């Protein structure tokens, strides 16, 4: 079972990474709020169809709430990550946000389940070195402003991982439906209140669709891995 969980986790990471790349491309031409909203609308339709087709059991009330909390965190994380990617910070944004997102659930697990194994600790140490090398080595420490959006995005993604774990005890796909509903409503409300032009440009349609499909697959495989 552990090997299957690791396999699902790796597939989730690959599809999420490809989805984020396409999302970053889309944001170069469009508002990040609109990109995430449209992608999540497409994802919502896909998830509902799959949940009904696969007869996924409906979760309990608390699971819907956990899914909603995950939706807010996921939406904030994607908007910030896409903005960082679009601003040319890909070499910093991708590894830093990924490391922070992975570290937060481990810290929560340390509090709830005890200290992680030494292999996990070595893995995080190697990840820190890798982030430092990929991001430009010693020159990375000269401009801390480059870290702000990636770190906050990573914290948001870490919150998503934690909340969706608690929401996926019985059902696989329906908690992700709650994630999408809350993220769409929150982003649309924010865009309307701040009067932002969120409708994406035509050139962003294909990257948005690709990011939506890949992100949906990443979410589904993560839930399977967490279960």
C-alpha atoms as a PDB file:
ATOM      1  CA  UNK A   1       0.000   0.000   0.000  1.00  0.00           C
ATOM      2  CA  UNK A   2       2.850   2.388   0.790  1.00  0.00           C
ATOM      3  CA  UNK A   3       4.343   1.923  -2.693  1.00  0.00           C
ATOM      4  CA  UNK A   4       0.965   2.656  -4.288  1.00  0.00           C
ATOM      5  CA  UNK A   5       0.637   5.783  -2.178  1.00  0.00           C
ATOM      6  CA  UNK A   6       4.085   6.954  -3.293  1.00  0.00           C
ATOM      7  CA  UNK A   7       3.224   6.222  -6.939  1.00  0.00           C
ATOM      8  CA  UNK A   8       0.004   8.240  -6.723  1.00  0.00           C
ATOM      9  CA  UNK A   9       1.934  11.041  -5.025  1.00  0.00           C
ATOM     10  CA  UNK A  10       4.532  11.139  -7.816  1.00  0.00           C
ATOM     11  CA  UNK A  11       1.843  11.189 -10.517  1.00  0.00           C
ATOM     12  CA  UNK A  12       0.106  13.981  -8.620  1.00  0.00           C
ATOM     13  CA  UNK A  13       3.328  16.013  -8.474  1.00  0.00           C
ATOM     14  CA  UNK A  14       3.993  15.568 -12.200  1.00  0.00           C
ATOM     15  CA  UNK A  15       0.495  16.543 -13.299  1.00  0.00           C
ATOM     16  CA  UNK A  16       0.367  19.481 -10.873  1.00  0.00           C
ATOM     17  CA  UNK A  17       3.714  20.722 -12.155  1.00  0.00           C
ATOM     18  CA  UNK A  18       2.579  20.534 -15.777  1.00  0.00           C
ATOM     19  CA  UNK A  19      -0.682  22.256 -14.851  1.00  0.00           C
ATOM     20  CA  UNK A  20       1.144  25.077 -13.053  1.00  0.00           C
ATOM     21  CA  UNK A  21       3.393  25.590 -16.069  1.00  0.00           C
ATOM     22  CA  UNK A  22       0.379  26.053 -18.345  1.00  0.00           C
ATOM     23  CA  UNK A  23      -1.275  28.299 -15.767  1.00  0.00           C
ATOM     24  CA  UNK A  24       1.824  30.474 -15.698  1.00  0.00           C
ATOM     25  CA  UNK A  25       1.698  30.774 -19.488  1.00  0.00           C
ATOM     26  CA  UNK A  26      -1.962  31.791 -19.371  1.00  0.00           C
ATOM     27  CA  UNK A  27      -1.356  34.470 -16.737  1.00  0.00           C
ATOM     28  CA  UNK A  28       1.172  36.211 -18.994  1.00  0.00           C
ATOM     29  CA  UNK A  29      -1.790  37.310 -21.152  1.00  0.00           C
ATOM     30  CA  UNK A  30      -4.666  37.366 -18.652  1.00  0.00           C
ATOM     31  CA  UNK A  31      -5.634  38.267 -15.101  1.00  0.00           C
ATOM     32  CA  UNK A  32      -4.600  35.448 -12.705  1.00  0.00           C
ATOM     33  CA  UNK A  33      -7.995  35.523 -10.973  1.00  0.00           C
ATOM     34  CA  UNK A  34      -9.772  34.880 -14.265  1.00  0.00           C
ATOM     35  CA  UNK A  35      -7.335  32.140 -15.239  1.00  0.00           C
ATOM     36  CA  UNK A  36      -7.861  30.252 -11.982  1.00  0.00           C
ATOM     37  CA  UNK A  37     -11.638  30.788 -12.051  1.00  0.00           C
ATOM     38  CA  UNK A  38     -12.122  29.495 -15.599  1.00  0.00           C
ATOM     39  CA  UNK A  39      -9.796  26.565 -14.960  1.00  0.00           C
ATOM     40  CA  UNK A  40     -11.725  25.671 -11.810  1.00  0.00           C
ATOM     41  CA  UNK A  41     -15.078  25.981 -13.595  1.00  0.00           C
ATOM     42  CA  UNK A  42     -13.934  23.438 -16.178  1.00  0.00           C
ATOM     43  CA  UNK A  43     -12.505  21.279 -13.406  1.00  0.00           C
ATOM     44  CA  UNK A  44     -15.791  21.460 -11.484  1.00  0.00           C
ATOM     45  CA  UNK A  45     -17.714  20.045 -14.446  1.00  0.00           C
ATOM     46  CA  UNK A  46     -15.156  17.258 -14.896  1.00  0.00           C
ATOM     47  CA  UNK A  47     -15.249  16.340 -11.206  1.00  0.00           C
ATOM     48  CA  UNK A  48     -19.055  16.220 -11.004  1.00  0.00           C
ATOM     49  CA  UNK A  49     -19.259  14.030 -14.113  1.00  0.00           C
ATOM     50  CA  UNK A  50     -16.599  11.672 -12.783  1.00  0.00           C
ATOM     51  CA  UNK A  51     -18.122  11.533  -9.294  1.00  0.00           C
ATOM     52  CA  UNK A  52     -21.538  10.599 -10.691  1.00  0.00           C
ATOM     53  CA  UNK A  53     -20.135   8.161 -13.256  1.00  0.00           C
ATOM     54  CA  UNK A  54     -17.993   6.370 -10.667  1.00  0.00           C
ATOM     55  CA  UNK A  55     -20.731   6.430  -7.989  1.00  0.00           C
ATOM     56  CA  UNK A  56     -18.432   8.152  -5.548  1.00  0.00           C
ATOM     57  CA  UNK A  57     -20.067   8.115  -2.076  1.00  0.00           C
ATOM     58  CA  UNK A  58     -21.252  11.454  -0.742  1.00  0.00           C
ATOM     59  CA  UNK A  59     -19.140  12.718   2.175  1.00  0.00           C
ATOM     60  CA  UNK A  60     -20.452  13.797   5.554  1.00  0.00           C
ATOM     61  CA  UNK A  61     -21.122  17.412   6.488  1.00  0.00           C
ATOM     62  CA  UNK A  62     -17.719  18.015   8.095  1.00  0.00           C
ATOM     63  CA  UNK A  63     -15.966  16.742   4.985  1.00  0.00           C
ATOM     64  CA  UNK A  64     -17.705  19.402   2.889  1.00  0.00           C
ATOM     65  CA  UNK A  65     -16.407  22.075   5.276  1.00  0.00           C
ATOM     66  CA  UNK A  66     -12.859  20.744   5.108  1.00  0.00           C
ATOM     67  CA  UNK A  67     -13.150  20.750   1.329  1.00  0.00           C
ATOM     68  CA  UNK A  68     -14.346  24.352   1.372  1.00  0.00           C
ATOM     69  CA  UNK A  69     -11.393  25.412   3.515  1.00  0.00           C
ATOM     70  CA  UNK A  70      -9.081  23.616   1.099  1.00  0.00           C
ATOM     71  CA  UNK A  71     -10.742  25.498  -1.763  1.00  0.00           C
ATOM     72  CA  UNK A  72      -9.848  28.891  -0.292  1.00  0.00           C
ATOM     73  CA  UNK A  73      -6.241  27.852   0.329  1.00  0.00           C
ATOM     74  CA  UNK A  74      -5.878  26.315  -3.117  1.00  0.00           C
ATOM     75  CA  UNK A  75      -7.278  29.376  -4.881  1.00  0.00           C
ATOM     76  CA  UNK A  76      -4.971  31.782  -3.027  1.00  0.00           C
ATOM     77  CA  UNK A  77      -1.966  29.548  -3.647  1.00  0.00           C
ATOM     78  CA  UNK A  78      -2.607  29.240  -7.379  1.00  0.00           C
ATOM     79  CA  UNK A  79      -3.167  32.966  -7.894  1.00  0.00           C
ATOM     80  CA  UNK A  80       0.075  33.844  -6.118  1.00  0.00           C
ATOM     81  CA  UNK A  81       2.056  31.088  -7.829  1.00  0.00           C
ATOM     82  CA  UNK A  82       0.784  32.036 -11.286  1.00  0.00           C
ATOM     83  CA  UNK A  83       1.619  35.686 -10.648  1.00  0.00           C
ATOM     84  CA  UNK A  84       5.131  34.730  -9.563  1.00  0.00           C
ATOM     85  CA  UNK A  85       5.597  32.477 -12.595  1.00  0.00           C
ATOM     86  CA  UNK A  86       4.313  35.147 -14.978  1.00  0.00           C
ATOM     87  CA  UNK A  87       6.696  37.743 -13.512  1.00  0.00           C
ATOM     88  CA  UNK A  88       9.702  35.649 -14.542  1.00  0.00           C
ATOM     89  CA  UNK A  89      10.412  34.088 -11.129  1.00  0.00           C
ATOM     90  CA  UNK A  90       9.927  30.491 -12.255  1.00  0.00           C
ATOM     91  CA  UNK A  91      13.343  29.347 -10.998  1.00  0.00           C
ATOM     92  CA  UNK A  92      12.460  30.660  -7.525  1.00  0.00           C
ATOM     93  CA  UNK A  93       8.672  30.342  -7.347  1.00  0.00           C
ATOM     94  CA  UNK A  94       8.327  26.689  -8.337  1.00  0.00           C
ATOM     95  CA  UNK A  95      10.890  25.080  -5.983  1.00  0.00           C
ATOM     96  CA  UNK A  96      10.297  27.411  -3.020  1.00  0.00           C
ATOM     97  CA  UNK A  97       6.503  27.062  -3.075  1.00  0.00           C
ATOM     98  CA  UNK A  98       6.822  23.292  -3.497  1.00  0.00           C
ATOM     99  CA  UNK A  99       9.213  22.955  -0.559  1.00  0.00           C
ATOM    100  CA  UNK A 100       7.083  25.087   1.777  1.00  0.00           C
ATOM    101  CA  UNK A 101       3.930  23.248   0.683  1.00  0.00           C
ATOM    102  CA  UNK A 102       5.534  19.895   1.466  1.00  0.00           C
ATOM    103  CA  UNK A 103       7.022  21.023   4.787  1.00  0.00           C
ATOM    104  CA  UNK A 104       3.788  22.322   6.332  1.00  0.00           C
ATOM    105  CA  UNK A 105       1.897  18.978   6.323  1.00  0.00           C
ATOM    106  CA  UNK A 106       5.020  17.284   7.707  1.00  0.00           C
ATOM    107  CA  UNK A 107       5.088  19.774  10.598  1.00  0.00           C
ATOM    108  CA  UNK A 108       1.403  19.146  11.282  1.00  0.00           C
ATOM    109  CA  UNK A 109       2.073  15.409  11.149  1.00  0.00           C
ATOM    110  CA  UNK A 110       4.910  15.881  13.633  1.00  0.00           C
ATOM    111  CA  UNK A 111       2.461  17.471  16.089  1.00  0.00           C
ATOM    112  CA  UNK A 112      -0.301  14.890  15.578  1.00  0.00           C
ATOM    113  CA  UNK A 113       1.634  11.684  14.847  1.00  0.00           C
ATOM    114  CA  UNK A 114       5.156  12.227  16.174  1.00  0.00           C
ATOM    115  CA  UNK A 115       8.575  12.804  14.612  1.00  0.00           C
ATOM    116  CA  UNK A 116       9.032  11.782  10.984  1.00  0.00           C
ATOM    117  CA  UNK A 117      11.668   9.271   9.932  1.00  0.00           C
ATOM    118  CA  UNK A 118      15.277  10.223   9.293  1.00  0.00           C
ATOM    119  CA  UNK A 119      14.914   9.570   5.568  1.00  0.00           C
ATOM    120  CA  UNK A 120      12.216  12.256   5.413  1.00  0.00           C
ATOM    121  CA  UNK A 121      14.452  14.713   7.258  1.00  0.00           C
ATOM    122  CA  UNK A 122      17.338  13.972   4.878  1.00  0.00           C
ATOM    123  CA  UNK A 123      14.957  14.482   1.973  1.00  0.00           C
ATOM    124  CA  UNK A 124      14.006  17.963   3.176  1.00  0.00           C
ATOM    125  CA  UNK A 125      17.655  18.859   3.739  1.00  0.00           C
ATOM    126  CA  UNK A 126      18.458  17.847   0.167  1.00  0.00           C
ATOM    127  CA  UNK A 127      15.431  19.793  -1.047  1.00  0.00           C
ATOM    128  CA  UNK A 128      16.712  22.943   0.668  1.00  0.00           C
ATOM    129  CA  UNK A 129      20.080  22.539  -1.040  1.00  0.00           C
ATOM    130  CA  UNK A 130      18.374  21.914  -4.374  1.00  0.00           C
ATOM    131  CA  UNK A 131      16.235  25.063  -4.041  1.00  0.00           C
ATOM    132  CA  UNK A 132      19.362  27.090  -3.260  1.00  0.00           C
ATOM    133  CA  UNK A 133      21.219  25.702  -6.287  1.00  0.00           C
ATOM    134  CA  UNK A 134      18.317  25.910  -8.756  1.00  0.00           C
ATOM    135  CA  UNK A 135      17.497  29.451  -7.709  1.00  0.00           C
ATOM    136  CA  UNK A 136      20.976  30.821  -8.371  1.00  0.00           C
ATOM    137  CA  UNK A 137      23.115  29.883  -5.421  1.00  0.00           C
ATOM    138  CA  UNK A 138      24.535  32.590  -3.236  1.00  0.00           C
ATOM    139  CA  UNK A 139      22.872  35.368  -5.230  1.00  0.00           C
ATOM    140  CA  UNK A 140      19.476  34.198  -4.035  1.00  0.00           C
ATOM    141  CA  UNK A 141      19.853  35.786  -0.607  1.00  0.00           C
ATOM    142  CA  UNK A 142      20.261  39.307  -1.942  1.00  0.00           C
ATOM    143  CA  UNK A 143      16.607  39.972  -2.726  1.00  0.00           C
ATOM    144  CA  UNK A 144      14.117  38.615  -0.196  1.00  0.00           C
ATOM    145  CA  UNK A 145      11.218  40.174  -2.092  1.00  0.00           C
ATOM    146  CA  UNK A 146      11.487  37.320  -4.561  1.00  0.00           C
ATOM    147  CA  UNK A 147      10.430  34.959  -1.773  1.00  0.00           C
ATOM    148  CA  UNK A 148       7.231  36.639  -0.643  1.00  0.00           C
ATOM    149  CA  UNK A 149       4.731  35.301  -3.194  1.00  0.00           C
ATOM    150  CA  UNK A 150       6.317  31.818  -3.454  1.00  0.00           C
ATOM    151  CA  UNK A 151       6.402  31.372   0.327  1.00  0.00           C
ATOM    152  CA  UNK A 152       2.811  32.536   0.842  1.00  0.00           C
ATOM    153  CA  UNK A 153       1.747  30.348  -2.095  1.00  0.00           C
ATOM    154  CA  UNK A 154       3.527  27.400  -0.482  1.00  0.00           C
ATOM    155  CA  UNK A 155       1.800  28.037   2.852  1.00  0.00           C
ATOM    156  CA  UNK A 156      -1.548  28.152   1.053  1.00  0.00           C
ATOM    157  CA  UNK A 157      -0.826  24.896  -0.771  1.00  0.00           C
ATOM    158  CA  UNK A 158       0.259  23.308   2.505  1.00  0.00           C
ATOM    159  CA  UNK A 159      -3.077  24.314   4.010  1.00  0.00           C
ATOM    160  CA  UNK A 160      -4.804  22.778   1.010  1.00  0.00           C
ATOM    161  CA  UNK A 161      -2.986  19.465   1.525  1.00  0.00           C
ATOM    162  CA  UNK A 162      -3.891  19.375   5.207  1.00  0.00           C
ATOM    163  CA  UNK A 163      -7.556  20.271   4.772  1.00  0.00           C
ATOM    164  CA  UNK A 164      -8.185  17.980   1.800  1.00  0.00           C
ATOM    165  CA  UNK A 165      -6.627  15.107   3.758  1.00  0.00           C
ATOM    166  CA  UNK A 166      -9.256  15.513   6.471  1.00  0.00           C
ATOM    167  CA  UNK A 167     -11.979  15.854   3.835  1.00  0.00           C
ATOM    168  CA  UNK A 168     -11.134  12.676   1.918  1.00  0.00           C
ATOM    169  CA  UNK A 169     -11.793   9.978   4.482  1.00  0.00           C
ATOM    170  CA  UNK A 170     -14.880   8.488   2.793  1.00  0.00           C
ATOM    171  CA  UNK A 171     -15.229  10.130  -0.602  1.00  0.00           C
ATOM    172  CA  UNK A 172     -12.587  10.801  -3.248  1.00  0.00           C
ATOM    173  CA  UNK A 173     -14.101  13.243  -5.730  1.00  0.00           C
ATOM    174  CA  UNK A 174     -16.936  15.067  -3.933  1.00  0.00           C
ATOM    175  CA  UNK A 175     -14.590  16.888  -1.516  1.00  0.00           C
ATOM    176  CA  UNK A 176     -12.797  18.214  -4.597  1.00  0.00           C
ATOM    177  CA  UNK A 177     -16.160  19.479  -5.861  1.00  0.00           C
ATOM    178  CA  UNK A 178     -16.469  21.482  -2.642  1.00  0.00           C
ATOM    179  CA  UNK A 179     -12.932  22.761  -3.218  1.00  0.00           C
ATOM    180  CA  UNK A 180     -13.854  24.034  -6.662  1.00  0.00           C
ATOM    181  CA  UNK A 181     -17.178  25.606  -5.651  1.00  0.00           C
ATOM    182  CA  UNK A 182     -15.627  27.604  -2.818  1.00  0.00           C
ATOM    183  CA  UNK A 183     -12.606  28.676  -4.869  1.00  0.00           C
ATOM    184  CA  UNK A 184     -14.789  29.878  -7.760  1.00  0.00           C
ATOM    185  CA  UNK A 185     -17.186  31.790  -5.506  1.00  0.00           C
ATOM    186  CA  UNK A 186     -14.396  33.407  -3.453  1.00  0.00           C
ATOM    187  CA  UNK A 187     -12.349  34.463  -6.490  1.00  0.00           C
ATOM    188  CA  UNK A 188     -15.377  35.741  -8.388  1.00  0.00           C
ATOM    189  CA  UNK A 189     -16.540  37.744  -5.363  1.00  0.00           C
ATOM    190  CA  UNK A 190     -13.090  39.251  -4.900  1.00  0.00           C
ATOM    191  CA  UNK A 191     -12.830  40.137  -8.597  1.00  0.00           C
ATOM    192  CA  UNK A 192     -16.232  41.814  -8.613  1.00  0.00           C
ATOM    193  CA  UNK A 193     -15.596  43.733  -5.384  1.00  0.00           C
ATOM    194  CA  UNK A 194     -12.228  44.996  -6.628  1.00  0.00           C
ATOM    195  CA  UNK A 195     -13.619  45.548 -10.162  1.00  0.00           C
ATOM    196  CA  UNK A 196     -10.955  43.517 -11.875  1.00  0.00           C
ATOM    197  CA  UNK A 197     -11.258  42.494 -15.526  1.00  0.00           C
ATOM    198  CA  UNK A 198     -11.119  38.776 -14.953  1.00  0.00           C
ATOM    199  CA  UNK A 199     -12.290  37.473 -18.358  1.00  0.00           C
ATOM    200  CA  UNK A 200      -9.202  35.820 -19.928  1.00  0.00           C
ATOM    201  CA  UNK A 201      -7.798  36.681 -23.338  1.00  0.00           C
ATOM    202  CA  UNK A 202      -8.486  34.318 -26.219  1.00  0.00           C
ATOM    203  CA  UNK A 203      -4.815  33.361 -26.402  1.00  0.00           C
ATOM    204  CA  UNK A 204      -5.027  31.969 -22.871  1.00  0.00           C
ATOM    205  CA  UNK A 205      -7.846  29.498 -23.543  1.00  0.00           C
ATOM    206  CA  UNK A 206      -5.720  26.466 -24.445  1.00  0.00           C
ATOM    207  CA  UNK A 207      -3.243  26.869 -21.541  1.00  0.00           C
ATOM    208  CA  UNK A 208      -6.191  27.352 -19.168  1.00  0.00           C
ATOM    209  CA  UNK A 209      -7.882  24.158 -20.384  1.00  0.00           C
ATOM    210  CA  UNK A 210      -4.631  22.208 -20.088  1.00  0.00           C
ATOM    211  CA  UNK A 211      -3.981  23.555 -16.594  1.00  0.00           C
ATOM    212  CA  UNK A 212      -7.543  22.656 -15.598  1.00  0.00           C
ATOM    213  CA  UNK A 213      -7.347  19.039 -16.758  1.00  0.00           C
ATOM    214  CA  UNK A 214      -3.871  18.522 -15.289  1.00  0.00           C
ATOM    215  CA  UNK A 215      -4.735  20.206 -11.995  1.00  0.00           C
ATOM    216  CA  UNK A 216      -7.869  18.071 -11.689  1.00  0.00           C
ATOM    217  CA  UNK A 217      -5.824  14.923 -12.244  1.00  0.00           C
ATOM    218  CA  UNK A 218      -3.244  16.092  -9.700  1.00  0.00           C
ATOM    219  CA  UNK A 219      -5.930  16.692  -7.082  1.00  0.00           C
ATOM    220  CA  UNK A 220      -7.520  13.300  -7.675  1.00  0.00           C
ATOM    221  CA  UNK A 221      -4.225  11.422  -7.418  1.00  0.00           C
ATOM    222  CA  UNK A 222      -3.277  13.362  -4.282  1.00  0.00           C
ATOM    223  CA  UNK A 223      -6.542  12.394  -2.600  1.00  0.00           C
ATOM    224  CA  UNK A 224      -5.968   8.751  -3.562  1.00  0.00           C
ATOM    225  CA  UNK A 225      -2.454   8.965  -2.160  1.00  0.00           C
ATOM    226  CA  UNK A 226      -3.669  10.562   1.086  1.00  0.00           C
ATOM    227  CA  UNK A 227      -6.268   7.834   1.528  1.00  0.00           C
END
